[in-house]
PDB file of N, CA and C in Angstrom:
ATOM      1  N   MET A   1      -7.541 -54.881 -32.916  1.00  0.00           N
ATOM      2  CA  MET A   1      -7.644 -55.259 -31.528  1.00  0.00           C
ATOM      3  C   MET A   1      -8.259 -56.661 -31.451  1.00  0.00           C
ATOM      4  N   THR A   2      -7.679 -57.501 -30.652  1.00  0.00           N
ATOM      5  CA  THR A   2      -8.198 -58.861 -30.500  1.00  0.00           C
ATOM      6  C   THR A   2      -9.418 -58.875 -29.582  1.00  0.00           C
ATOM      7  N   PHE A   3     -10.127 -59.997 -29.608  1.00  0.00           N
ATOM      8  CA  PHE A   3     -11.261 -60.157 -28.708  1.00  0.00           C
ATOM      9  C   PHE A   3     -10.813 -59.967 -27.263  1.00  0.00           C
ATOM     10  N   ALA A   4      -9.695 -60.588 -26.881  1.00  0.00           N
ATOM     11  CA  ALA A   4      -9.211 -60.507 -25.503  1.00  0.00           C
ATOM     12  C   ALA A   4      -8.931 -59.053 -25.104  1.00  0.00           C
ATOM     13  N   GLN A   5      -8.287 -58.298 -25.981  1.00  0.00           N
ATOM     14  CA  GLN A   5      -7.993 -56.887 -25.702  1.00  0.00           C
ATOM     15  C   GLN A   5      -9.277 -56.064 -25.601  1.00  0.00           C
ATOM     16  N   ARG A   6     -10.217 -56.339 -26.506  1.00  0.00           N
ATOM     17  CA  ARG A   6     -11.487 -55.626 -26.514  1.00  0.00           C
ATOM     18  C   ARG A   6     -12.259 -55.903 -25.221  1.00  0.00           C
ATOM     19  N   LEU A   7     -12.273 -57.149 -24.804  1.00  0.00           N
ATOM     20  CA  LEU A   7     -12.983 -57.536 -23.587  1.00  0.00           C
ATOM     21  C   LEU A   7     -12.398 -56.813 -22.380  1.00  0.00           C
ATOM     22  N   GLU A   8     -11.088 -56.801 -22.275  1.00  0.00           N
ATOM     23  CA  GLU A   8     -10.436 -56.116 -21.153  1.00  0.00           C
ATOM     24  C   GLU A   8     -10.745 -54.619 -21.183  1.00  0.00           C
ATOM     25  N   THR A   9     -10.651 -54.012 -22.347  1.00  0.00           N
ATOM     26  CA  THR A   9     -10.926 -52.582 -22.489  1.00  0.00           C
ATOM     27  C   THR A   9     -12.355 -52.251 -22.081  1.00  0.00           C
ATOM     28  N   LEU A  10     -13.318 -53.032 -22.556  1.00  0.00           N
ATOM     29  CA  LEU A  10     -14.720 -52.800 -22.217  1.00  0.00           C
ATOM     30  C   LEU A  10     -14.964 -52.971 -20.721  1.00  0.00           C
ATOM     31  N   ARG A  11     -14.351 -53.979 -20.131  1.00  0.00           N
ATOM     32  CA  ARG A  11     -14.511 -54.222 -18.689  1.00  0.00           C
ATOM     33  C   ARG A  11     -13.978 -53.040 -17.893  1.00  0.00           C
ATOM     34  N   ILE A  12     -12.805 -52.560 -18.267  1.00  0.00           N
ATOM     35  CA  ILE A  12     -12.196 -51.434 -17.556  1.00  0.00           C
ATOM     36  C   ILE A  12     -13.035 -50.167 -17.734  1.00  0.00           C
ATOM     37  N   GLN A  13     -13.561 -49.960 -18.952  1.00  0.00           N
ATOM     38  CA  GLN A  13     -14.419 -48.798 -19.189  1.00  0.00           C
ATOM     39  C   GLN A  13     -15.656 -48.810 -18.294  1.00  0.00           C
ATOM     40  N   LYS A  14     -16.145 -49.995 -17.963  1.00  0.00           N
ATOM     41  CA  LYS A  14     -17.315 -50.124 -17.091  1.00  0.00           C
ATOM     42  C   LYS A  14     -16.938 -50.081 -15.614  1.00  0.00           C
ATOM     43  N   GLY A  15     -15.645 -50.018 -15.326  1.00  0.00           N
ATOM     44  CA  GLY A  15     -15.195 -49.930 -13.943  1.00  0.00           C
ATOM     45  C   GLY A  15     -15.350 -51.213 -13.159  1.00  0.00           C
ATOM     46  N   LEU A  16     -15.257 -52.347 -13.848  1.00  0.00           N
ATOM     47  CA  LEU A  16     -15.432 -53.651 -13.209  1.00  0.00           C
ATOM     48  C   LEU A  16     -14.105 -54.384 -13.089  1.00  0.00           C
ATOM     49  N   THR A  17     -13.957 -55.160 -12.023  1.00  0.00           N
ATOM     50  CA  THR A  17     -12.824 -56.068 -11.923  1.00  0.00           C
ATOM     51  C   THR A  17     -13.175 -57.361 -12.647  1.00  0.00           C
ATOM     52  N   GLN A  18     -12.169 -58.194 -12.897  1.00  0.00           N
ATOM     53  CA  GLN A  18     -12.441 -59.501 -13.505  1.00  0.00           C
ATOM     54  C   GLN A  18     -13.399 -60.300 -12.630  1.00  0.00           C
ATOM     55  N   GLU A  19     -13.168 -60.256 -11.344  1.00  0.00           N
ATOM     56  CA  GLU A  19     -14.009 -61.025 -10.414  1.00  0.00           C
ATOM     57  C   GLU A  19     -15.454 -60.527 -10.444  1.00  0.00           C
ATOM     58  N   GLU A  20     -15.653 -59.214 -10.473  1.00  0.00           N
ATOM     59  CA  GLU A  20     -17.016 -58.673 -10.501  1.00  0.00           C
ATOM     60  C   GLU A  20     -17.742 -59.071 -11.782  1.00  0.00           C
ATOM     61  N   LEU A  21     -17.047 -58.938 -12.915  1.00  0.00           N
ATOM     62  CA  LEU A  21     -17.682 -59.292 -14.185  1.00  0.00           C
ATOM     63  C   LEU A  21     -17.973 -60.789 -14.250  1.00  0.00           C
ATOM     64  N   ALA A  22     -17.045 -61.594 -13.794  1.00  0.00           N
ATOM     65  CA  ALA A  22     -17.258 -63.045 -13.780  1.00  0.00           C
ATOM     66  C   ALA A  22     -18.494 -63.400 -12.947  1.00  0.00           C
ATOM     67  N   ARG A  23     -18.635 -62.763 -11.802  1.00  0.00           N
ATOM     68  CA  ARG A  23     -19.793 -63.026 -10.934  1.00  0.00           C
ATOM     69  C   ARG A  23     -21.095 -62.608 -11.618  1.00  0.00           C
ATOM     70  N   LEU A  24     -21.070 -61.471 -12.334  1.00  0.00           N
ATOM     71  CA  LEU A  24     -22.274 -60.987 -13.010  1.00  0.00           C
ATOM     72  C   LEU A  24     -22.764 -61.936 -14.109  1.00  0.00           C
ATOM     73  N   ILE A  25     -21.832 -62.693 -14.710  1.00  0.00           N
ATOM     74  CA  ILE A  25     -22.224 -63.616 -15.781  1.00  0.00           C
ATOM     75  C   ILE A  25     -22.170 -65.082 -15.329  1.00  0.00           C
ATOM     76  N   ASN A  26     -22.027 -65.262 -14.025  1.00  0.00           N
ATOM     77  CA  ASN A  26     -22.086 -66.600 -13.407  1.00  0.00           C
ATOM     78  C   ASN A  26     -21.021 -67.569 -13.897  1.00  0.00           C
ATOM     79  N   ILE A  27     -19.783 -67.082 -13.977  1.00  0.00           N
ATOM     80  CA  ILE A  27     -18.656 -67.975 -14.250  1.00  0.00           C
ATOM     81  C   ILE A  27     -17.568 -67.681 -13.221  1.00  0.00           C
ATOM     82  N   SER A  28     -16.567 -68.543 -13.162  1.00  0.00           N
ATOM     83  CA  SER A  28     -15.479 -68.328 -12.213  1.00  0.00           C
ATOM     84  C   SER A  28     -14.515 -67.263 -12.751  1.00  0.00           C
ATOM     85  N   GLN A  29     -13.800 -66.624 -11.835  1.00  0.00           N
ATOM     86  CA  GLN A  29     -12.821 -65.610 -12.242  1.00  0.00           C
ATOM     87  C   GLN A  29     -11.721 -66.228 -13.105  1.00  0.00           C
ATOM     88  N   PRO A  30     -11.208 -67.427 -12.791  1.00  0.00           N
ATOM     89  CA  PRO A  30     -10.194 -68.018 -13.675  1.00  0.00           C
ATOM     90  C   PRO A  30     -10.718 -68.279 -15.098  1.00  0.00           C
ATOM     91  N   SER A  31     -11.989 -68.678 -15.214  1.00  0.00           N
ATOM     92  CA  SER A  31     -12.566 -68.878 -16.550  1.00  0.00           C
ATOM     93  C   SER A  31     -12.616 -67.554 -17.299  1.00  0.00           C
ATOM     94  N   TYR A  32     -13.053 -66.503 -16.604  1.00  0.00           N
ATOM     95  CA  TYR A  32     -13.099 -65.182 -17.236  1.00  0.00           C
ATOM     96  C   TYR A  32     -11.694 -64.720 -17.634  1.00  0.00           C
ATOM     97  N   CYS A  33     -10.755 -64.904 -16.750  1.00  0.00           N
ATOM     98  CA  CYS A  33      -9.372 -64.499 -17.002  1.00  0.00           C
ATOM     99  C   CYS A  33      -8.835 -65.151 -18.280  1.00  0.00           C
ATOM    100  N   ALA A  34      -9.231 -66.391 -18.525  1.00  0.00           N
ATOM    101  CA  ALA A  34      -8.788 -67.095 -19.735  1.00  0.00           C
ATOM    102  C   ALA A  34      -9.295 -66.391 -20.996  1.00  0.00           C
ATOM    103  N   TYR A  35     -10.448 -65.749 -20.924  1.00  0.00           N
ATOM    104  CA  TYR A  35     -10.945 -64.979 -22.072  1.00  0.00           C
ATOM    105  C   TYR A  35     -10.043 -63.778 -22.330  1.00  0.00           C
ATOM    106  N   GLU A  36      -9.712 -63.054 -21.260  1.00  0.00           N
ATOM    107  CA  GLU A  36      -8.876 -61.856 -21.418  1.00  0.00           C
ATOM    108  C   GLU A  36      -7.441 -62.200 -21.802  1.00  0.00           C
ATOM    109  N   ARG A  37      -6.988 -63.376 -21.471  1.00  0.00           N
ATOM    110  CA  ARG A  37      -5.637 -63.793 -21.861  1.00  0.00           C
ATOM    111  C   ARG A  37      -5.614 -64.407 -23.251  1.00  0.00           C
ATOM    112  N   GLY A  38      -6.792 -64.582 -23.848  1.00  0.00           N
ATOM    113  CA  GLY A  38      -6.862 -65.148 -25.187  1.00  0.00           C
ATOM    114  C   GLY A  38      -6.723 -66.652 -25.233  1.00  0.00           C
ATOM    115  N   LYS A  39      -6.884 -67.299 -24.091  1.00  0.00           N
ATOM    116  CA  LYS A  39      -6.756 -68.762 -24.025  1.00  0.00           C
ATOM    117  C   LYS A  39      -8.036 -69.474 -24.431  1.00  0.00           C
ATOM    118  N   ASN A  40      -9.175 -68.860 -24.169  1.00  0.00           N
ATOM    119  CA  ASN A  40     -10.475 -69.435 -24.495  1.00  0.00           C
ATOM    120  C   ASN A  40     -11.391 -68.355 -25.049  1.00  0.00           C
ATOM    121  N   LYS A  41     -12.410 -68.803 -25.770  1.00  0.00           N
ATOM    122  CA  LYS A  41     -13.472 -67.895 -26.221  1.00  0.00           C
ATOM    123  C   LYS A  41     -14.752 -68.328 -25.534  1.00  0.00           C
ATOM    124  N   PRO A  42     -15.601 -67.376 -25.186  1.00  0.00           N
ATOM    125  CA  PRO A  42     -16.836 -67.729 -24.477  1.00  0.00           C
ATOM    126  C   PRO A  42     -17.851 -68.416 -25.389  1.00  0.00           C
ATOM    127  N   SER A  43     -18.702 -69.222 -24.768  1.00  0.00           N
ATOM    128  CA  SER A  43     -19.809 -69.859 -25.490  1.00  0.00           C
ATOM    129  C   SER A  43     -20.771 -68.771 -25.960  1.00  0.00           C
ATOM    130  N   LYS A  44     -21.691 -69.152 -26.838  1.00  0.00           N
ATOM    131  CA  LYS A  44     -22.688 -68.189 -27.332  1.00  0.00           C
ATOM    132  C   LYS A  44     -23.492 -67.592 -26.177  1.00  0.00           C
ATOM    133  N   ASN A  45     -23.905 -68.427 -25.230  1.00  0.00           N
ATOM    134  CA  ASN A  45     -24.675 -67.922 -24.086  1.00  0.00           C
ATOM    135  C   ASN A  45     -23.859 -66.934 -23.266  1.00  0.00           C
ATOM    136  N   THR A  46     -22.591 -67.241 -23.055  1.00  0.00           N
ATOM    137  CA  THR A  46     -21.727 -66.345 -22.292  1.00  0.00           C
ATOM    138  C   THR A  46     -21.464 -65.060 -23.076  1.00  0.00           C
ATOM    139  N   GLN A  47     -21.333 -65.157 -24.392  1.00  0.00           N
ATOM    140  CA  GLN A  47     -21.168 -63.950 -25.215  1.00  0.00           C
ATOM    141  C   GLN A  47     -22.359 -63.015 -25.027  1.00  0.00           C
ATOM    142  N   ILE A  48     -23.555 -63.584 -25.001  1.00  0.00           N
ATOM    143  CA  ILE A  48     -24.769 -62.784 -24.818  1.00  0.00           C
ATOM    144  C   ILE A  48     -24.761 -62.117 -23.452  1.00  0.00           C
ATOM    145  N   GLN A  49     -24.396 -62.871 -22.426  1.00  0.00           N
ATOM    146  CA  GLN A  49     -24.343 -62.308 -21.074  1.00  0.00           C
ATOM    147  C   GLN A  49     -23.302 -61.188 -20.980  1.00  0.00           C
ATOM    148  N   LEU A  50     -22.131 -61.414 -21.561  1.00  0.00           N
ATOM    149  CA  LEU A  50     -21.087 -60.386 -21.550  1.00  0.00           C
ATOM    150  C   LEU A  50     -21.559 -59.121 -22.260  1.00  0.00           C
ATOM    151  N   ALA A  51     -22.168 -59.303 -23.421  1.00  0.00           N
ATOM    152  CA  ALA A  51     -22.647 -58.155 -24.194  1.00  0.00           C
ATOM    153  C   ALA A  51     -23.674 -57.355 -23.402  1.00  0.00           C
ATOM    154  N   LYS A  52     -24.570 -58.038 -22.709  1.00  0.00           N
ATOM    155  CA  LYS A  52     -25.585 -57.344 -21.907  1.00  0.00           C
ATOM    156  C   LYS A  52     -24.940 -56.528 -20.792  1.00  0.00           C
ATOM    157  N   VAL A  53     -24.032 -57.158 -20.064  1.00  0.00           N
ATOM    158  CA  VAL A  53     -23.379 -56.473 -18.941  1.00  0.00           C
ATOM    159  C   VAL A  53     -22.527 -55.301 -19.436  1.00  0.00           C
ATOM    160  N   LEU A  54     -21.835 -55.492 -20.554  1.00  0.00           N
ATOM    161  CA  LEU A  54     -20.944 -54.451 -21.077  1.00  0.00           C
ATOM    162  C   LEU A  54     -21.677 -53.442 -21.961  1.00  0.00           C
ATOM    163  N   LYS A  55     -22.965 -53.689 -22.201  1.00  0.00           N
ATOM    164  CA  LYS A  55     -23.825 -52.791 -22.989  1.00  0.00           C
ATOM    165  C   LYS A  55     -23.298 -52.545 -24.406  1.00  0.00           C
ATOM    166  N   VAL A  56     -22.956 -53.661 -25.061  1.00  0.00           N
ATOM    167  CA  VAL A  56     -22.558 -53.646 -26.469  1.00  0.00           C
ATOM    168  C   VAL A  56     -23.272 -54.795 -27.162  1.00  0.00           C
ATOM    169  N   SER A  57     -23.262 -54.798 -28.481  1.00  0.00           N
ATOM    170  CA  SER A  57     -23.833 -55.933 -29.206  1.00  0.00           C
ATOM    171  C   SER A  57     -22.842 -57.092 -29.159  1.00  0.00           C
ATOM    172  N   VAL A  58     -23.333 -58.286 -29.381  1.00  0.00           N
ATOM    173  CA  VAL A  58     -22.445 -59.449 -29.435  1.00  0.00           C
ATOM    174  C   VAL A  58     -21.445 -59.273 -30.571  1.00  0.00           C
ATOM    175  N   ASP A  59     -21.909 -58.728 -31.700  1.00  0.00           N
ATOM    176  CA  ASP A  59     -21.009 -58.511 -32.833  1.00  0.00           C
ATOM    177  C   ASP A  59     -19.883 -57.552 -32.465  1.00  0.00           C
ATOM    178  N   GLU A  60     -20.226 -56.472 -31.790  1.00  0.00           N
ATOM    179  CA  GLU A  60     -19.200 -55.516 -31.378  1.00  0.00           C
ATOM    180  C   GLU A  60     -18.237 -56.159 -30.389  1.00  0.00           C
ATOM    181  N   LEU A  61     -18.765 -56.937 -29.470  1.00  0.00           N
ATOM    182  CA  LEU A  61     -17.930 -57.626 -28.490  1.00  0.00           C
ATOM    183  C   LEU A  61     -16.954 -58.581 -29.170  1.00  0.00           C
ATOM    184  N   MET A  62     -17.456 -59.395 -30.071  1.00  0.00           N
ATOM    185  CA  MET A  62     -16.640 -60.437 -30.672  1.00  0.00           C
ATOM    186  C   MET A  62     -15.780 -59.957 -31.840  1.00  0.00           C
ATOM    187  N   ASN A  63     -16.286 -58.984 -32.609  1.00  0.00           N
ATOM    188  CA  ASN A  63     -15.602 -58.577 -33.843  1.00  0.00           C
ATOM    189  C   ASN A  63     -15.093 -57.146 -33.846  1.00  0.00           C
ATOM    190  N   GLY A  64     -15.531 -56.377 -32.894  1.00  0.00           N
ATOM    191  CA  GLY A  64     -15.009 -55.025 -32.789  1.00  0.00           C
ATOM    192  C   GLY A  64     -15.806 -53.946 -33.482  1.00  0.00           C
ATOM    193  N   SER A  65     -16.895 -54.300 -34.141  1.00  0.00           N
ATOM    194  CA  SER A  65     -17.692 -53.269 -34.791  1.00  0.00           C
ATOM    195  C   SER A  65     -19.118 -53.743 -34.934  1.00  0.00           C
ATOM    196  N   GLU A  66     -19.999 -52.767 -34.978  1.00  0.00           N
ATOM    197  CA  GLU A  66     -21.397 -53.069 -35.237  1.00  0.00           C
ATOM    198  C   GLU A  66     -21.516 -53.520 -36.676  1.00  0.00           C
ATOM    199  N   THR A  67     -22.287 -54.528 -36.914  1.00  0.00           N
ATOM    200  CA  THR A  67     -22.562 -54.932 -38.283  1.00  0.00           C
ATOM    201  C   THR A  67     -23.556 -53.957 -38.859  1.00  0.00           C
ATOM    202  N   GLN A  68     -23.205 -53.370 -39.963  1.00  0.00           N
ATOM    203  CA  GLN A  68     -24.110 -52.455 -40.640  1.00  0.00           C
ATOM    204  C   GLN A  68     -24.955 -53.261 -41.603  1.00  0.00           C
ATOM    205  N   THR A  69     -26.242 -53.130 -41.511  1.00  0.00           N
ATOM    206  CA  THR A  69     -27.126 -53.803 -42.447  1.00  0.00           C
ATOM    207  C   THR A  69     -27.093 -53.013 -43.739  1.00  0.00           C
ATOM    208  N   PRO A  70     -26.665 -53.627 -44.840  1.00  0.00           N
ATOM    209  CA  PRO A  70     -26.612 -52.869 -46.085  1.00  0.00           C
ATOM    210  C   PRO A  70     -28.008 -52.448 -46.506  1.00  0.00           C
ATOM    211  N   THR A  71     -28.080 -51.233 -46.983  1.00  0.00           N
ATOM    212  CA  THR A  71     -29.365 -50.743 -47.465  1.00  0.00           C
ATOM    213  C   THR A  71     -29.320 -50.690 -48.974  1.00  0.00           C
ATOM    214  N   ALA A  72     -30.312 -51.254 -49.584  1.00  0.00           N
ATOM    215  CA  ALA A  72     -30.390 -51.252 -51.042  1.00  0.00           C
ATOM    216  C   ALA A  72     -30.851 -49.879 -51.503  1.00  0.00           C
ATOM    217  N   ALA A  73     -30.329 -49.459 -52.615  1.00  0.00           N
ATOM    218  CA  ALA A  73     -30.778 -48.189 -53.180  1.00  0.00           C
ATOM    219  C   ALA A  73     -32.206 -48.384 -53.668  1.00  0.00           C
ATOM    220  N   VAL A  74     -33.068 -47.562 -53.160  1.00  0.00           N
ATOM    221  CA  VAL A  74     -34.477 -47.676 -53.520  1.00  0.00           C
ATOM    222  C   VAL A  74     -34.838 -46.461 -54.354  1.00  0.00           C
ATOM    223  N   GLU A  75     -35.316 -46.735 -55.552  1.00  0.00           N
ATOM    224  CA  GLU A  75     -35.760 -45.660 -56.438  1.00  0.00           C
ATOM    225  C   GLU A  75     -37.129 -45.195 -55.978  1.00  0.00           C
ATOM    226  N   PRO A  76     -37.332 -43.894 -55.890  1.00  0.00           N
ATOM    227  CA  PRO A  76     -38.658 -43.428 -55.495  1.00  0.00           C
ATOM    228  C   PRO A  76     -39.685 -43.789 -56.567  1.00  0.00           C
ATOM    229  N   THR A  77     -40.860 -44.158 -56.128  1.00  0.00           N
ATOM    230  CA  THR A  77     -41.942 -44.493 -57.044  1.00  0.00           C
ATOM    231  C   THR A  77     -42.585 -43.201 -57.515  1.00  0.00           C
ATOM    232  N   PRO A  78     -42.628 -42.975 -58.829  1.00  0.00           N
ATOM    233  CA  PRO A  78     -43.237 -41.739 -59.313  1.00  0.00           C
ATOM    234  C   PRO A  78     -44.736 -41.738 -59.043  1.00  0.00           C
ATOM    235  N   GLU A  79     -45.240 -40.556 -58.807  1.00  0.00           N
ATOM    236  CA  GLU A  79     -46.681 -40.406 -58.595  1.00  0.00           C
ATOM    237  C   GLU A  79     -47.394 -40.644 -59.924  1.00  0.00           C
ATOM    238  N   PRO A  80     -48.485 -41.408 -59.930  1.00  0.00           N
ATOM    239  CA  PRO A  80     -49.195 -41.639 -61.193  1.00  0.00           C
ATOM    240  C   PRO A  80     -49.886 -40.353 -61.661  1.00  0.00           C
ATOM    241  N   THR A  81     -49.932 -40.179 -62.965  1.00  0.00           N
ATOM    242  CA  THR A  81     -50.684 -39.054 -63.524  1.00  0.00           C
ATOM    243  C   THR A  81     -52.150 -39.390 -63.400  1.00  0.00           C
ATOM    244  N   PRO A  82     -53.046 -38.423 -63.572  1.00  0.00           N
ATOM    245  CA  PRO A  82     -54.477 -38.711 -63.387  1.00  0.00           C
ATOM    246  C   PRO A  82     -54.989 -39.856 -64.244  1.00  0.00           C
ATOM    247  N   ASP A  83     -54.425 -40.082 -65.434  1.00  0.00           N
ATOM    248  CA  ASP A  83     -54.923 -41.151 -66.297  1.00  0.00           C
ATOM    249  C   ASP A  83     -54.305 -42.503 -65.962  1.00  0.00           C
ATOM    250  N   GLU A  84     -53.096 -42.484 -65.368  1.00  0.00           N
ATOM    251  CA  GLU A  84     -52.401 -43.741 -65.079  1.00  0.00           C
ATOM    252  C   GLU A  84     -52.973 -44.376 -63.820  1.00  0.00           C
ATOM    253  N   GLY A  85     -53.135 -45.634 -63.860  1.00  0.00           N
ATOM    254  CA  GLY A  85     -53.516 -46.388 -62.685  1.00  0.00           C
ATOM    255  C   GLY A  85     -54.937 -46.165 -62.217  1.00  0.00           C
ATOM    256  N   SER A  86     -55.685 -45.356 -62.902  1.00  0.00           N
ATOM    257  CA  SER A  86     -57.064 -45.179 -62.461  1.00  0.00           C
ATOM    258  C   SER A  86     -57.932 -46.267 -63.083  1.00  0.00           C
ATOM    259  N   VAL A  87     -58.916 -46.664 -62.351  1.00  0.00           N
ATOM    260  CA  VAL A  87     -59.814 -47.693 -62.835  1.00  0.00           C
ATOM    261  C   VAL A  87     -61.016 -47.020 -63.453  1.00  0.00           C
ATOM    262  N   THR A  88     -61.300 -47.426 -64.674  1.00  0.00           N
ATOM    263  CA  THR A  88     -62.476 -46.880 -65.353  1.00  0.00           C
ATOM    264  C   THR A  88     -63.610 -47.865 -65.170  1.00  0.00           C
ATOM    265  N   GLU A  89     -64.709 -47.327 -64.727  1.00  0.00           N
ATOM    266  CA  GLU A  89     -65.865 -48.188 -64.521  1.00  0.00           C
ATOM    267  C   GLU A  89     -66.533 -48.458 -65.836  1.00  0.00           C
ATOM    268  N   ILE A  90     -66.790 -49.736 -66.129  1.00  0.00           N
ATOM    269  CA  ILE A  90     -67.453 -50.133 -67.376  1.00  0.00           C
ATOM    270  C   ILE A  90     -68.914 -50.404 -67.071  1.00  0.00           C
ATOM    271  N   GLU A  91     -69.766 -49.777 -67.851  1.00  0.00           N
ATOM    272  CA  GLU A  91     -71.192 -49.967 -67.621  1.00  0.00           C
ATOM    273  C   GLU A  91     -71.778 -50.946 -68.604  1.00  0.00           C
TER     274      GLU A  91
END
């Protein structure tokens, strides 16, 4: 799905017209329409405003999916035995 298709789908899911959404993000309806027609892409600031109104992340809005932060495999740290890691006081 293209950005333009995704934008239209999200707008319709929210029950907004092009004019209503354009007004909410402070741009003209023709400017907004150009996004849905694939003629223009919004600026970073406008992407943020669109994402807020449509209640999605900017990444989801622009790319179609949430970016998953990769998680590194973390080995559990073994519990030390009573002799390991203990400090012996020297007199």
